[in-house]
Every structure is written in C-alpha cells, then in structure tokens.
C-alpha cells in the first residue's frame, strides 16, 4: 500500500473508515474537507469545498507543493440528493451533486496522475451499485456514479496505453450505513467492512472491486435485468 494517500470525504462514513485503516498500516493520510476539525486525528487536510470550480486544481497544487510523494488517490467524497425531478428540477442541487461526485474526481485524477505515477501508485474511484442499476429518487447520484464508472474504465485503458505505472481501481459500494443511507431499510453494511474490502481489493490489484452485495446485483443483472432494476427502483 502507498505511504501517502489522499482520501476525499474522510470526515465520516466510508472515507473516515478508510483513513483510519490506512493509518493503522502506517500510511500518511491527507484529505480535503470544508471543516478540518472533523477529520480523524493525524490526518492533514486542505480546507476546501469540492464543488468549487477550481477545486481539483487547488488540491493538485497543494499536493505537489506539500505532499509531492503522494502515491494514492481515493475519490470517495459524494453527496446524494433524494428528489423527483418531475416535481422539482433543482438546478443548483443537480450542479453541485455532479461537481462533487463526478467533475472534481475526474479532474483530480487527471491532474495528479504524474505525481502518482512517479510513486508507482494508484487511483481508486468509489462508485456504487447504482452505477449498474439506477435508483428512482436518486437519478443524479446514479448518473454521476455511472459516469465515474465509465471514466475509471477509460482512464485505466489510457494509463495502460501510456505504460504508466499506475493502477486504476473502481470500488462499487452496496448500501452502507452512512449519512447517505439514512432512512433506508436494514441490511446496510458497516462502513468499516466496506473500507476493509476496498483496501483489500486495492492491495490485490483488482480493477473492479465489488463490495458486499454488489456481487449479487451483478449476478441478478445477468439472470434477470428487469427484476434487478425493479428491486433497485422500488428500494
């Protein structure tokens, strides 16, 4: 595992669990947050809103100046707005959700590639089972994760074509017990277990890391796509 890893969204949920588990293996963890006080102890952070138009450029400049040996990037931060766009188009909320979930992770991955390649490191984009089967009242979140999934696959191909020593991973999360899943039914995975499976997949070099029940979702999509879409749509 890389010695210095940038984890976005490390103040809570899966991101916080990732930061703590990385620290336990001796890694230095750095992060970005609007409130640095909420970061785990020992995590150095940059105070920044990931929805800002220049967020990726500012983060990359900070990493190059303060942490030039950064060898890992985990794009974990995300927001989910539950809404029916037929009732309220929510243009501001849609733009913010896409910026945090998709635009900044894509830009940051691209801008940090030279730094990470110099350390023969990795990029891991955290997506979701909803990238495979969208949820009715989380249309923008589902679309952003589907977009990040496509970006991860294309970036992996580009990195291999360029013979860069960088591993590009995608980790697909199931329903995890975080603030994003408040009000959801039981059966949610603890964030600590999700983080454990993500880091295990990175260590083993998996291109796509299916966490928890995502494996079952893939199987169901092969056997009966209509059933799978129906289950997710009504969840």
Foldseek 3Di string as FASTA:
>chain_A
DAQEEEFEPCLDFLNVLLCVVSVVVNHQYEYEDCDPVSHPPRHHYDNDQQLDPCNLVVVLVCCVVPPLQHQYYELDDAAFDFAQCVVPVPVVVLSSRLSSLAVNLLSNCVSCLVSNLVNLHEYEYEAALLLVAPANRRVSNSVSRVNVVVSLVVVQVVCVVVVGSYQGAYEYYYAAPTPRQPPPDPPHHHSNQSSVQVVVCVVVRPRYRYGDCSVVLVVCCVVPVVVSNVVRHVD
